[in-house]
């Protein structure tokens, strides 16, 4: 296993490991200049071999859920692992988060540093058809913006829906829960789901629901509401349709802010959707610096295609045709105020 560090002149840095192409550390200054690691992760790198909460990892071939753990493509049915009740979550128990990625490119410049990692996913990997080459490029620039770019191509029609599952705690990893941190999501609609968090295919308005983040609010303000929307997920574990989505263009997706130390985060993406997960089922994980993480000590902003898009895509299909190239990216810009 290898670790790679992308460093900025002010001491900010990102550490990426080859297992799962995972973000292990993400260190940025607070309003007083104190460097703060805002990413949950393991001190023991060996724990990334299991990584049940997907800390920092790239997820694929298909992030999020597939109903019934099966799909039909070109008249053939493919059966996947049932690792989330009767459904498939993040491609099963042996997804990209457990694969060793290979460094194929590295660049250090005055304005930015980057690495490109490759995983060659063989035909039948986790039950998906076709040999698939996936490249993930991490770029960290002088403005403390981490950009994650994905590119993939296959020799057969297959499914591709990639994301990164980093958990953010803007107060600093191991420094308590994230309920007082403020979030804004640029979305007017979300995916209606049934138990098991499988989308029905309906896009519902956020207005009048605890999923309305169109104005910045504390994560914890509504999370305890007696609402079936929250009970079905144990908190926030919801897909939002981004209002400003335009194919191939970067659009502002979300913002987060920690009033205690002034660290803020702004997310932009080419993806049509953003999934907010508030770490409702972390349980108990031994993290970095002797810290023990429990539920709701980190939140994830997962930029990707619609969950279960193979069955009910409203906007973009997750089917990647032979000869086509999948390209998406997301940027995470840190600031202080």
C-alpha atoms as a PDB file:
ATOM      1  CA  UNK A   1       0.000   0.000   0.000  1.00  0.00           C
ATOM      2  CA  UNK A   2       1.297   3.438  -0.932  1.00  0.00           C
ATOM      3  CA  UNK A   3       0.469   6.927   0.363  1.00  0.00           C
ATOM      4  CA  UNK A   4       0.698  10.127  -1.680  1.00  0.00           C
ATOM      5  CA  UNK A   5       0.626  13.682  -0.329  1.00  0.00           C
ATOM      6  CA  UNK A   6      -0.602  16.724  -2.241  1.00  0.00           C
ATOM      7  CA  UNK A   7       0.756  19.811  -0.474  1.00  0.00           C
ATOM      8  CA  UNK A   8      -0.091  23.516  -0.624  1.00  0.00           C
ATOM      9  CA  UNK A   9       2.311  26.338   0.284  1.00  0.00           C
ATOM     10  CA  UNK A  10       0.358  27.285   3.421  1.00  0.00           C
ATOM     11  CA  UNK A  11       0.780  23.795   4.900  1.00  0.00           C
ATOM     12  CA  UNK A  12      -2.607  22.461   3.801  1.00  0.00           C
ATOM     13  CA  UNK A  13      -2.422  18.973   2.359  1.00  0.00           C
ATOM     14  CA  UNK A  14      -4.325  15.897   1.258  1.00  0.00           C
ATOM     15  CA  UNK A  15      -3.086  12.340   1.785  1.00  0.00           C
ATOM     16  CA  UNK A  16      -4.333   9.664  -0.626  1.00  0.00           C
ATOM     17  CA  UNK A  17      -3.650   5.947  -0.270  1.00  0.00           C
ATOM     18  CA  UNK A  18      -3.602   3.380  -3.056  1.00  0.00           C
ATOM     19  CA  UNK A  19      -6.092   1.053  -1.348  1.00  0.00           C
ATOM     20  CA  UNK A  20      -9.509   2.264  -2.416  1.00  0.00           C
ATOM     21  CA  UNK A  21      -7.902   5.409  -3.873  1.00  0.00           C
ATOM     22  CA  UNK A  22      -9.006   6.740  -0.496  1.00  0.00           C
ATOM     23  CA  UNK A  23      -8.574  10.146   1.100  1.00  0.00           C
ATOM     24  CA  UNK A  24      -6.903   9.451   4.453  1.00  0.00           C
ATOM     25  CA  UNK A  25      -6.179  13.009   5.585  1.00  0.00           C
ATOM     26  CA  UNK A  26      -7.453  16.410   4.490  1.00  0.00           C
ATOM     27  CA  UNK A  27      -5.770  19.199   6.450  1.00  0.00           C
ATOM     28  CA  UNK A  28      -6.776  22.866   6.105  1.00  0.00           C
ATOM     29  CA  UNK A  29      -6.436  25.975   8.334  1.00  0.00           C
ATOM     30  CA  UNK A  30      -9.188  27.339  10.554  1.00  0.00           C
ATOM     31  CA  UNK A  31      -9.889  31.054  11.032  1.00  0.00           C
ATOM     32  CA  UNK A  32      -6.917  31.320  13.448  1.00  0.00           C
ATOM     33  CA  UNK A  33      -4.541  29.523  11.096  1.00  0.00           C
ATOM     34  CA  UNK A  34      -4.594  26.243  13.032  1.00  0.00           C
ATOM     35  CA  UNK A  35      -4.213  23.293  10.667  1.00  0.00           C
ATOM     36  CA  UNK A  36      -7.185  20.957  11.094  1.00  0.00           C
ATOM     37  CA  UNK A  37      -7.768  17.473   9.680  1.00  0.00           C
ATOM     38  CA  UNK A  38     -11.409  17.553   8.561  1.00  0.00           C
ATOM     39  CA  UNK A  39     -11.538  13.991   7.177  1.00  0.00           C
ATOM     40  CA  UNK A  40     -12.495  10.852   9.100  1.00  0.00           C
ATOM     41  CA  UNK A  41     -10.117   7.941   8.609  1.00  0.00           C
ATOM     42  CA  UNK A  42      -8.037   5.219  10.196  1.00  0.00           C
ATOM     43  CA  UNK A  43      -4.712   5.590  11.972  1.00  0.00           C
ATOM     44  CA  UNK A  44      -4.034   1.918  11.190  1.00  0.00           C
ATOM     45  CA  UNK A  45      -3.770   1.841   7.397  1.00  0.00           C
ATOM     46  CA  UNK A  46      -4.463  -1.899   7.487  1.00  0.00           C
ATOM     47  CA  UNK A  47      -8.050  -1.152   8.513  1.00  0.00           C
ATOM     48  CA  UNK A  48      -8.716   0.177   5.027  1.00  0.00           C
ATOM     49  CA  UNK A  49      -8.671  -3.450   3.890  1.00  0.00           C
ATOM     50  CA  UNK A  50     -12.139  -3.829   5.435  1.00  0.00           C
ATOM     51  CA  UNK A  51     -13.318  -0.179   5.756  1.00  0.00           C
ATOM     52  CA  UNK A  52     -16.984  -0.970   6.475  1.00  0.00           C
ATOM     53  CA  UNK A  53     -17.957   2.716   6.466  1.00  0.00           C
ATOM     54  CA  UNK A  54     -16.110   3.463   3.196  1.00  0.00           C
ATOM     55  CA  UNK A  55     -13.969   6.192   4.795  1.00  0.00           C
ATOM     56  CA  UNK A  56     -12.575   8.390   2.016  1.00  0.00           C
ATOM     57  CA  UNK A  57     -12.839   5.723  -0.690  1.00  0.00           C
ATOM     58  CA  UNK A  58     -13.797   5.832  -4.360  1.00  0.00           C
ATOM     59  CA  UNK A  59     -16.932   3.719  -4.814  1.00  0.00           C
ATOM     60  CA  UNK A  60     -17.757   1.686  -7.900  1.00  0.00           C
ATOM     61  CA  UNK A  61     -18.591   0.309 -10.275  1.00  0.00           C
ATOM     62  CA  UNK A  62     -21.918   1.571  -9.030  1.00  0.00           C
ATOM     63  CA  UNK A  63     -22.169   3.868  -6.038  1.00  0.00           C
ATOM     64  CA  UNK A  64     -25.326   3.863  -3.917  1.00  0.00           C
ATOM     65  CA  UNK A  65     -28.061   1.238  -4.285  1.00  0.00           C
ATOM     66  CA  UNK A  66     -29.416  -1.140  -6.923  1.00  0.00           C
ATOM     67  CA  UNK A  67     -32.863  -2.540  -6.127  1.00  0.00           C
ATOM     68  CA  UNK A  68     -33.095  -6.284  -5.747  1.00  0.00           C
ATOM     69  CA  UNK A  69     -29.327  -6.605  -6.291  1.00  0.00           C
ATOM     70  CA  UNK A  70     -29.866  -7.332  -9.983  1.00  0.00           C
ATOM     71  CA  UNK A  71     -30.333  -5.579 -13.295  1.00  0.00           C
ATOM     72  CA  UNK A  72     -30.983  -6.426 -16.935  1.00  0.00           C
ATOM     73  CA  UNK A  73     -28.722  -5.091 -19.678  1.00  0.00           C
ATOM     74  CA  UNK A  74     -29.048  -5.964 -23.366  1.00  0.00           C
ATOM     75  CA  UNK A  75     -31.518  -8.729 -22.506  1.00  0.00           C
ATOM     76  CA  UNK A  76     -29.256 -10.438 -19.971  1.00  0.00           C
ATOM     77  CA  UNK A  77     -29.854 -10.422 -16.236  1.00  0.00           C
ATOM     78  CA  UNK A  78     -26.919  -9.793 -13.897  1.00  0.00           C
ATOM     79  CA  UNK A  79     -27.035 -10.810 -10.249  1.00  0.00           C
ATOM     80  CA  UNK A  80     -25.101  -8.855  -7.639  1.00  0.00           C
ATOM     81  CA  UNK A  81     -24.356  -9.385  -3.947  1.00  0.00           C
ATOM     82  CA  UNK A  82     -27.133  -8.571  -1.489  1.00  0.00           C
ATOM     83  CA  UNK A  83     -25.210  -6.558   1.089  1.00  0.00           C
ATOM     84  CA  UNK A  84     -27.961  -4.121   2.141  1.00  0.00           C
ATOM     85  CA  UNK A  85     -31.010  -6.213   2.923  1.00  0.00           C
ATOM     86  CA  UNK A  86     -32.326  -7.443  -0.412  1.00  0.00           C
ATOM     87  CA  UNK A  87     -30.434  -4.751  -2.299  1.00  0.00           C
ATOM     88  CA  UNK A  88     -26.921  -4.029  -3.507  1.00  0.00           C
ATOM     89  CA  UNK A  89     -25.052  -1.124  -1.890  1.00  0.00           C
ATOM     90  CA  UNK A  90     -21.912   0.435  -3.412  1.00  0.00           C
ATOM     91  CA  UNK A  91     -21.431  -2.630  -5.679  1.00  0.00           C
ATOM     92  CA  UNK A  92     -21.230  -5.165  -2.865  1.00  0.00           C
ATOM     93  CA  UNK A  93     -18.710  -6.266  -0.221  1.00  0.00           C
ATOM     94  CA  UNK A  94     -15.748  -6.264  -2.619  1.00  0.00           C
ATOM     95  CA  UNK A  95     -16.116  -2.972  -4.457  1.00  0.00           C
ATOM     96  CA  UNK A  96     -13.542  -0.417  -5.532  1.00  0.00           C
ATOM     97  CA  UNK A  97     -12.955   0.625  -1.902  1.00  0.00           C
ATOM     98  CA  UNK A  98     -11.094  -2.672  -1.370  1.00  0.00           C
ATOM     99  CA  UNK A  99      -9.075  -2.619  -4.578  1.00  0.00           C
ATOM    100  CA  UNK A 100      -5.463  -1.523  -4.927  1.00  0.00           C
ATOM    101  CA  UNK A 101      -5.124   1.320  -7.403  1.00  0.00           C
ATOM    102  CA  UNK A 102      -1.959   1.978  -9.429  1.00  0.00           C
ATOM    103  CA  UNK A 103      -0.267   5.361  -9.723  1.00  0.00           C
ATOM    104  CA  UNK A 104      -0.009   6.292 -13.428  1.00  0.00           C
ATOM    105  CA  UNK A 105       0.546  10.043 -13.203  1.00  0.00           C
ATOM    106  CA  UNK A 106       1.895  12.636 -10.793  1.00  0.00           C
ATOM    107  CA  UNK A 107       2.409  16.389 -11.133  1.00  0.00           C
ATOM    108  CA  UNK A 108       3.688  19.108  -8.819  1.00  0.00           C
ATOM    109  CA  UNK A 109       3.458  22.747  -9.839  1.00  0.00           C
ATOM    110  CA  UNK A 110       3.349  26.185  -8.274  1.00  0.00           C
ATOM    111  CA  UNK A 111      -0.435  26.382  -8.387  1.00  0.00           C
ATOM    112  CA  UNK A 112      -1.483  22.746  -7.900  1.00  0.00           C
ATOM    113  CA  UNK A 113      -0.367  19.167  -7.308  1.00  0.00           C
ATOM    114  CA  UNK A 114      -2.113  16.092  -8.678  1.00  0.00           C
ATOM    115  CA  UNK A 115      -1.995  12.313  -8.894  1.00  0.00           C
ATOM    116  CA  UNK A 116      -3.833   9.924 -11.213  1.00  0.00           C
ATOM    117  CA  UNK A 117      -4.666   6.409 -10.059  1.00  0.00           C
ATOM    118  CA  UNK A 118      -5.860   3.514 -12.235  1.00  0.00           C
ATOM    119  CA  UNK A 119      -7.913   0.444 -11.432  1.00  0.00           C
ATOM    120  CA  UNK A 120      -8.502  -2.194 -14.104  1.00  0.00           C
ATOM    121  CA  UNK A 121     -11.762  -3.872 -13.194  1.00  0.00           C
ATOM    122  CA  UNK A 122     -12.039  -7.271 -14.919  1.00  0.00           C
ATOM    123  CA  UNK A 123     -15.120  -8.677 -16.615  1.00  0.00           C
ATOM    124  CA  UNK A 124     -17.395 -10.059 -13.883  1.00  0.00           C
ATOM    125  CA  UNK A 125     -15.888  -7.922 -11.120  1.00  0.00           C
ATOM    126  CA  UNK A 126     -18.567  -7.814  -8.369  1.00  0.00           C
ATOM    127  CA  UNK A 127     -20.971  -9.242 -10.975  1.00  0.00           C
ATOM    128  CA  UNK A 128     -20.715  -6.420 -13.538  1.00  0.00           C
ATOM    129  CA  UNK A 129     -20.032  -7.098 -17.225  1.00  0.00           C
ATOM    130  CA  UNK A 130     -17.025  -5.964 -19.244  1.00  0.00           C
ATOM    131  CA  UNK A 131     -13.412  -5.073 -18.603  1.00  0.00           C
ATOM    132  CA  UNK A 132     -13.403  -1.527 -17.278  1.00  0.00           C
ATOM    133  CA  UNK A 133     -10.488   0.899 -16.930  1.00  0.00           C
ATOM    134  CA  UNK A 134     -11.132   3.582 -14.308  1.00  0.00           C
ATOM    135  CA  UNK A 135      -8.913   6.601 -13.721  1.00  0.00           C
ATOM    136  CA  UNK A 136      -9.290   8.867 -10.704  1.00  0.00           C
ATOM    137  CA  UNK A 137      -7.330  12.118 -10.587  1.00  0.00           C
ATOM    138  CA  UNK A 138      -6.958  14.103  -7.381  1.00  0.00           C
ATOM    139  CA  UNK A 139      -5.847  17.729  -7.739  1.00  0.00           C
ATOM    140  CA  UNK A 140      -5.194  20.026  -4.780  1.00  0.00           C
ATOM    141  CA  UNK A 141      -4.513  23.670  -5.591  1.00  0.00           C
ATOM    142  CA  UNK A 142      -3.251  26.775  -3.822  1.00  0.00           C
ATOM    143  CA  UNK A 143      -6.837  27.885  -3.162  1.00  0.00           C
ATOM    144  CA  UNK A 144      -7.355  24.772  -1.022  1.00  0.00           C
ATOM    145  CA  UNK A 145      -9.665  23.190  -3.606  1.00  0.00           C
ATOM    146  CA  UNK A 146      -9.618  19.413  -3.926  1.00  0.00           C
ATOM    147  CA  UNK A 147     -10.916  18.307  -7.329  1.00  0.00           C
ATOM    148  CA  UNK A 148     -11.711  14.658  -8.003  1.00  0.00           C
ATOM    149  CA  UNK A 149     -12.007  13.709 -11.684  1.00  0.00           C
ATOM    150  CA  UNK A 150     -13.208  10.338 -12.954  1.00  0.00           C
ATOM    151  CA  UNK A 151     -12.785   8.732 -16.358  1.00  0.00           C
ATOM    152  CA  UNK A 152     -13.839   5.211 -17.350  1.00  0.00           C
ATOM    153  CA  UNK A 153     -14.189   3.082 -20.487  1.00  0.00           C
ATOM    154  CA  UNK A 154     -15.209  -0.544 -21.043  1.00  0.00           C
ATOM    155  CA  UNK A 155     -15.045  -3.193 -23.764  1.00  0.00           C
ATOM    156  CA  UNK A 156     -18.716  -4.106 -23.194  1.00  0.00           C
ATOM    157  CA  UNK A 157     -21.824  -2.209 -22.198  1.00  0.00           C
ATOM    158  CA  UNK A 158     -21.817  -1.977 -18.396  1.00  0.00           C
ATOM    159  CA  UNK A 159     -22.873   0.198 -15.455  1.00  0.00           C
ATOM    160  CA  UNK A 160     -20.732   3.042 -14.122  1.00  0.00           C
ATOM    161  CA  UNK A 161     -21.634   5.480 -11.358  1.00  0.00           C
ATOM    162  CA  UNK A 162     -18.622   6.671  -9.366  1.00  0.00           C
ATOM    163  CA  UNK A 163     -18.250   8.841  -6.274  1.00  0.00           C
ATOM    164  CA  UNK A 164     -16.002   9.528  -3.323  1.00  0.00           C
ATOM    165  CA  UNK A 165     -17.286   8.675   0.156  1.00  0.00           C
ATOM    166  CA  UNK A 166     -15.192  10.948   2.341  1.00  0.00           C
ATOM    167  CA  UNK A 167     -16.677  11.934   5.687  1.00  0.00           C
ATOM    168  CA  UNK A 168     -16.212  15.564   6.694  1.00  0.00           C
ATOM    169  CA  UNK A 169     -16.178  17.006  10.177  1.00  0.00           C
ATOM    170  CA  UNK A 170     -15.276  20.666   9.744  1.00  0.00           C
ATOM    171  CA  UNK A 171     -14.611  21.005  13.470  1.00  0.00           C
ATOM    172  CA  UNK A 172     -11.898  18.392  13.020  1.00  0.00           C
ATOM    173  CA  UNK A 173     -11.975  14.604  12.933  1.00  0.00           C
ATOM    174  CA  UNK A 174     -12.716  13.149  16.354  1.00  0.00           C
ATOM    175  CA  UNK A 175     -14.047  16.472  17.709  1.00  0.00           C
ATOM    176  CA  UNK A 176     -17.618  15.422  18.365  1.00  0.00           C
ATOM    177  CA  UNK A 177     -20.723  15.297  16.203  1.00  0.00           C
ATOM    178  CA  UNK A 178     -21.555  17.396  13.153  1.00  0.00           C
ATOM    179  CA  UNK A 179     -25.063  18.467  14.220  1.00  0.00           C
ATOM    180  CA  UNK A 180     -24.137  22.136  14.822  1.00  0.00           C
ATOM    181  CA  UNK A 181     -22.452  22.454  11.424  1.00  0.00           C
ATOM    182  CA  UNK A 182     -24.461  24.301   8.827  1.00  0.00           C
ATOM    183  CA  UNK A 183     -25.350  22.976   5.382  1.00  0.00           C
ATOM    184  CA  UNK A 184     -26.921  24.431   2.277  1.00  0.00           C
ATOM    185  CA  UNK A 185     -27.846  22.241  -0.720  1.00  0.00           C
ATOM    186  CA  UNK A 186     -28.735  23.778  -4.070  1.00  0.00           C
ATOM    187  CA  UNK A 187     -31.608  21.442  -4.818  1.00  0.00           C
ATOM    188  CA  UNK A 188     -35.372  21.885  -5.113  1.00  0.00           C
ATOM    189  CA  UNK A 189     -36.167  18.157  -5.315  1.00  0.00           C
ATOM    190  CA  UNK A 190     -35.114  14.857  -3.758  1.00  0.00           C
ATOM    191  CA  UNK A 191     -35.686  11.158  -4.473  1.00  0.00           C
ATOM    192  CA  UNK A 192     -38.715   9.600  -2.843  1.00  0.00           C
ATOM    193  CA  UNK A 193     -37.661   6.252  -1.340  1.00  0.00           C
ATOM    194  CA  UNK A 194     -39.284   3.192   0.159  1.00  0.00           C
ATOM    195  CA  UNK A 195     -37.857   1.166   3.082  1.00  0.00           C
ATOM    196  CA  UNK A 196     -34.424  -0.002   2.041  1.00  0.00           C
ATOM    197  CA  UNK A 197     -33.800   3.495   0.647  1.00  0.00           C
ATOM    198  CA  UNK A 198     -34.664   2.435  -2.891  1.00  0.00           C
ATOM    199  CA  UNK A 199     -36.004   5.311  -5.021  1.00  0.00           C
ATOM    200  CA  UNK A 200     -39.548   5.024  -6.313  1.00  0.00           C
ATOM    201  CA  UNK A 201     -38.591   7.114  -9.335  1.00  0.00           C
ATOM    202  CA  UNK A 202     -40.515  10.154  -8.108  1.00  0.00           C
ATOM    203  CA  UNK A 203     -38.831  13.536  -7.628  1.00  0.00           C
ATOM    204  CA  UNK A 204     -40.469  15.288  -4.672  1.00  0.00           C
ATOM    205  CA  UNK A 205     -40.124  18.963  -3.723  1.00  0.00           C
ATOM    206  CA  UNK A 206     -38.011  19.712  -0.648  1.00  0.00           C
ATOM    207  CA  UNK A 207     -40.293  22.612   0.284  1.00  0.00           C
ATOM    208  CA  UNK A 208     -42.138  21.980   3.536  1.00  0.00           C
ATOM    209  CA  UNK A 209     -39.998  18.959   4.455  1.00  0.00           C
ATOM    210  CA  UNK A 210     -36.989  18.469   6.783  1.00  0.00           C
ATOM    211  CA  UNK A 211     -34.977  17.927   3.575  1.00  0.00           C
ATOM    212  CA  UNK A 212     -35.197  21.596   2.680  1.00  0.00           C
ATOM    213  CA  UNK A 213     -31.600  22.864   2.770  1.00  0.00           C
ATOM    214  CA  UNK A 214     -32.102  25.648   0.240  1.00  0.00           C
ATOM    215  CA  UNK A 215     -31.280  28.081   3.037  1.00  0.00           C
ATOM    216  CA  UNK A 216     -28.296  27.284   5.249  1.00  0.00           C
ATOM    217  CA  UNK A 217     -29.312  25.481   8.447  1.00  0.00           C
ATOM    218  CA  UNK A 218     -27.738  23.336  11.144  1.00  0.00           C
ATOM    219  CA  UNK A 219     -27.650  19.637  10.307  1.00  0.00           C
ATOM    220  CA  UNK A 220     -29.206  18.906  13.688  1.00  0.00           C
ATOM    221  CA  UNK A 221     -32.068  21.390  13.440  1.00  0.00           C
ATOM    222  CA  UNK A 222     -34.568  19.016  11.834  1.00  0.00           C
ATOM    223  CA  UNK A 223     -32.799  15.656  12.004  1.00  0.00           C
ATOM    224  CA  UNK A 224     -34.827  14.574  15.053  1.00  0.00           C
ATOM    225  CA  UNK A 225     -38.211  15.408  13.547  1.00  0.00           C
ATOM    226  CA  UNK A 226     -40.933  12.780  13.728  1.00  0.00           C
ATOM    227  CA  UNK A 227     -40.966  12.470   9.952  1.00  0.00           C
ATOM    228  CA  UNK A 228     -41.223   9.282   7.874  1.00  0.00           C
ATOM    229  CA  UNK A 229     -38.688  10.868   5.499  1.00  0.00           C
ATOM    230  CA  UNK A 230     -36.076  10.749   8.259  1.00  0.00           C
ATOM    231  CA  UNK A 231     -37.192   7.578  10.005  1.00  0.00           C
ATOM    232  CA  UNK A 232     -36.724   5.507   6.854  1.00  0.00           C
ATOM    233  CA  UNK A 233     -33.047   6.554   6.794  1.00  0.00           C
ATOM    234  CA  UNK A 234     -32.210   6.999  10.471  1.00  0.00           C
ATOM    235  CA  UNK A 235     -31.407  10.641   9.738  1.00  0.00           C
ATOM    236  CA  UNK A 236     -30.183  12.134   6.476  1.00  0.00           C
ATOM    237  CA  UNK A 237     -29.311   9.564   3.832  1.00  0.00           C
ATOM    238  CA  UNK A 238     -30.988  11.177   0.834  1.00  0.00           C
ATOM    239  CA  UNK A 239     -30.397  11.931  -2.813  1.00  0.00           C
ATOM    240  CA  UNK A 240     -30.925  15.505  -4.028  1.00  0.00           C
ATOM    241  CA  UNK A 241     -31.411  16.607  -7.646  1.00  0.00           C
ATOM    242  CA  UNK A 242     -29.211  19.641  -8.244  1.00  0.00           C
ATOM    243  CA  UNK A 243     -31.160  22.636  -9.520  1.00  0.00           C
ATOM    244  CA  UNK A 244     -28.385  24.071 -11.696  1.00  0.00           C
ATOM    245  CA  UNK A 245     -27.309  20.796 -13.320  1.00  0.00           C
ATOM    246  CA  UNK A 246     -26.229  21.111 -16.960  1.00  0.00           C
ATOM    247  CA  UNK A 247     -24.538  18.142 -18.697  1.00  0.00           C
ATOM    248  CA  UNK A 248     -20.754  18.508 -18.656  1.00  0.00           C
ATOM    249  CA  UNK A 249     -20.741  21.783 -16.714  1.00  0.00           C
ATOM    250  CA  UNK A 250     -19.643  22.380 -13.143  1.00  0.00           C
ATOM    251  CA  UNK A 251     -22.512  23.588 -10.970  1.00  0.00           C
ATOM    252  CA  UNK A 252     -22.643  24.649  -7.350  1.00  0.00           C
ATOM    253  CA  UNK A 253     -24.075  21.760  -5.338  1.00  0.00           C
ATOM    254  CA  UNK A 254     -23.685  22.470  -1.619  1.00  0.00           C
ATOM    255  CA  UNK A 255     -21.966  24.438   1.113  1.00  0.00           C
ATOM    256  CA  UNK A 256     -21.104  23.610   4.709  1.00  0.00           C
ATOM    257  CA  UNK A 257     -19.755  25.728   7.545  1.00  0.00           C
ATOM    258  CA  UNK A 258     -18.505  25.241  11.098  1.00  0.00           C
ATOM    259  CA  UNK A 259     -19.243  28.317  13.255  1.00  0.00           C
ATOM    260  CA  UNK A 260     -16.836  27.191  15.995  1.00  0.00           C
ATOM    261  CA  UNK A 261     -13.652  27.437  13.922  1.00  0.00           C
ATOM    262  CA  UNK A 262     -14.768  29.211  10.741  1.00  0.00           C
ATOM    263  CA  UNK A 263     -13.927  26.388   8.315  1.00  0.00           C
ATOM    264  CA  UNK A 264     -16.254  26.251   5.324  1.00  0.00           C
ATOM    265  CA  UNK A 265     -16.654  23.935   2.356  1.00  0.00           C
ATOM    266  CA  UNK A 266     -18.138  24.626  -1.074  1.00  0.00           C
ATOM    267  CA  UNK A 267     -18.968  21.714  -3.398  1.00  0.00           C
ATOM    268  CA  UNK A 268     -19.371  21.903  -7.174  1.00  0.00           C
ATOM    269  CA  UNK A 269     -19.862  19.008  -9.591  1.00  0.00           C
ATOM    270  CA  UNK A 270     -20.742  17.908 -13.117  1.00  0.00           C
ATOM    271  CA  UNK A 271     -23.021  15.213 -11.650  1.00  0.00           C
ATOM    272  CA  UNK A 272     -26.804  15.640 -11.587  1.00  0.00           C
ATOM    273  CA  UNK A 273     -27.191  14.566  -7.961  1.00  0.00           C
ATOM    274  CA  UNK A 274     -25.707  14.995  -4.500  1.00  0.00           C
ATOM    275  CA  UNK A 275     -26.287  12.506  -1.709  1.00  0.00           C
ATOM    276  CA  UNK A 276     -26.149  13.745   1.886  1.00  0.00           C
ATOM    277  CA  UNK A 277     -25.309  11.097   4.479  1.00  0.00           C
ATOM    278  CA  UNK A 278     -24.907  12.098   8.118  1.00  0.00           C
ATOM    279  CA  UNK A 279     -23.031   9.027   9.342  1.00  0.00           C
ATOM    280  CA  UNK A 280     -26.103   7.536  11.009  1.00  0.00           C
ATOM    281  CA  UNK A 281     -24.621   4.036  11.214  1.00  0.00           C
ATOM    282  CA  UNK A 282     -20.914   4.542  11.887  1.00  0.00           C
ATOM    283  CA  UNK A 283     -21.376   2.691  15.168  1.00  0.00           C
ATOM    284  CA  UNK A 284     -17.959   2.672  16.795  1.00  0.00           C
ATOM    285  CA  UNK A 285     -14.759   2.983  14.753  1.00  0.00           C
ATOM    286  CA  UNK A 286     -11.223   3.512  16.017  1.00  0.00           C
ATOM    287  CA  UNK A 287     -10.020   6.438  13.937  1.00  0.00           C
ATOM    288  CA  UNK A 288      -6.969   8.674  13.810  1.00  0.00           C
ATOM    289  CA  UNK A 289      -5.033  10.169  16.718  1.00  0.00           C
ATOM    290  CA  UNK A 290      -6.632   7.839  19.260  1.00  0.00           C
ATOM    291  CA  UNK A 291     -10.114   9.112  18.450  1.00  0.00           C
ATOM    292  CA  UNK A 292     -13.159   6.860  18.451  1.00  0.00           C
ATOM    293  CA  UNK A 293     -15.836   7.801  15.928  1.00  0.00           C
ATOM    294  CA  UNK A 294     -19.507   7.205  16.626  1.00  0.00           C
ATOM    295  CA  UNK A 295     -22.734   7.992  14.793  1.00  0.00           C
ATOM    296  CA  UNK A 296     -23.051  11.446  13.216  1.00  0.00           C
ATOM    297  CA  UNK A 297     -19.426  12.446  13.696  1.00  0.00           C
ATOM    298  CA  UNK A 298     -19.003  13.006   9.967  1.00  0.00           C
ATOM    299  CA  UNK A 299     -21.130  13.832   6.936  1.00  0.00           C
ATOM    300  CA  UNK A 300     -20.647  12.789   3.314  1.00  0.00           C
ATOM    301  CA  UNK A 301     -21.403  14.831   0.197  1.00  0.00           C
ATOM    302  CA  UNK A 302     -21.512  12.133  -2.508  1.00  0.00           C
ATOM    303  CA  UNK A 303     -21.739  13.605  -6.002  1.00  0.00           C
ATOM    304  CA  UNK A 304     -22.978  10.979  -8.464  1.00  0.00           C
ATOM    305  CA  UNK A 305     -25.780   9.835 -10.743  1.00  0.00           C
ATOM    306  CA  UNK A 306     -29.215   9.012  -9.402  1.00  0.00           C
ATOM    307  CA  UNK A 307     -29.390   5.936  -7.106  1.00  0.00           C
ATOM    308  CA  UNK A 308     -30.755   2.840  -8.851  1.00  0.00           C
ATOM    309  CA  UNK A 309     -30.519   4.714 -12.136  1.00  0.00           C
ATOM    310  CA  UNK A 310     -30.365   1.433 -14.064  1.00  0.00           C
ATOM    311  CA  UNK A 311     -34.022   0.894 -13.135  1.00  0.00           C
ATOM    312  CA  UNK A 312     -35.447   4.380 -12.931  1.00  0.00           C
ATOM    313  CA  UNK A 313     -33.191   7.201 -14.107  1.00  0.00           C
ATOM    314  CA  UNK A 314     -34.918  10.577 -14.270  1.00  0.00           C
ATOM    315  CA  UNK A 315     -31.931  12.444 -15.702  1.00  0.00           C
ATOM    316  CA  UNK A 316     -28.828  10.403 -16.609  1.00  0.00           C
ATOM    317  CA  UNK A 317     -28.558   6.661 -17.225  1.00  0.00           C
ATOM    318  CA  UNK A 318     -25.837   4.698 -15.444  1.00  0.00           C
ATOM    319  CA  UNK A 319     -25.315   2.522 -18.531  1.00  0.00           C
ATOM    320  CA  UNK A 320     -21.914   3.110 -20.138  1.00  0.00           C
ATOM    321  CA  UNK A 321     -21.856   1.911 -23.736  1.00  0.00           C
ATOM    322  CA  UNK A 322     -18.856   0.190 -25.268  1.00  0.00           C
ATOM    323  CA  UNK A 323     -16.738   2.808 -27.008  1.00  0.00           C
ATOM    324  CA  UNK A 324     -18.017   5.670 -24.856  1.00  0.00           C
ATOM    325  CA  UNK A 325     -16.134   7.362 -22.019  1.00  0.00           C
ATOM    326  CA  UNK A 326     -17.595   8.165 -18.618  1.00  0.00           C
ATOM    327  CA  UNK A 327     -16.416  11.537 -17.310  1.00  0.00           C
ATOM    328  CA  UNK A 328     -17.531  13.290 -14.137  1.00  0.00           C
ATOM    329  CA  UNK A 329     -15.851  15.426 -11.501  1.00  0.00           C
ATOM    330  CA  UNK A 330     -16.458  17.168  -8.202  1.00  0.00           C
ATOM    331  CA  UNK A 331     -14.549  19.905  -6.416  1.00  0.00           C
ATOM    332  CA  UNK A 332     -14.378  20.595  -2.684  1.00  0.00           C
ATOM    333  CA  UNK A 333     -13.183  24.132  -1.933  1.00  0.00           C
ATOM    334  CA  UNK A 334     -12.254  25.047   1.634  1.00  0.00           C
ATOM    335  CA  UNK A 335     -12.459  28.585   3.013  1.00  0.00           C
ATOM    336  CA  UNK A 336     -12.669  30.413   6.322  1.00  0.00           C
ATOM    337  CA  UNK A 337     -14.964  33.149   7.553  1.00  0.00           C
END
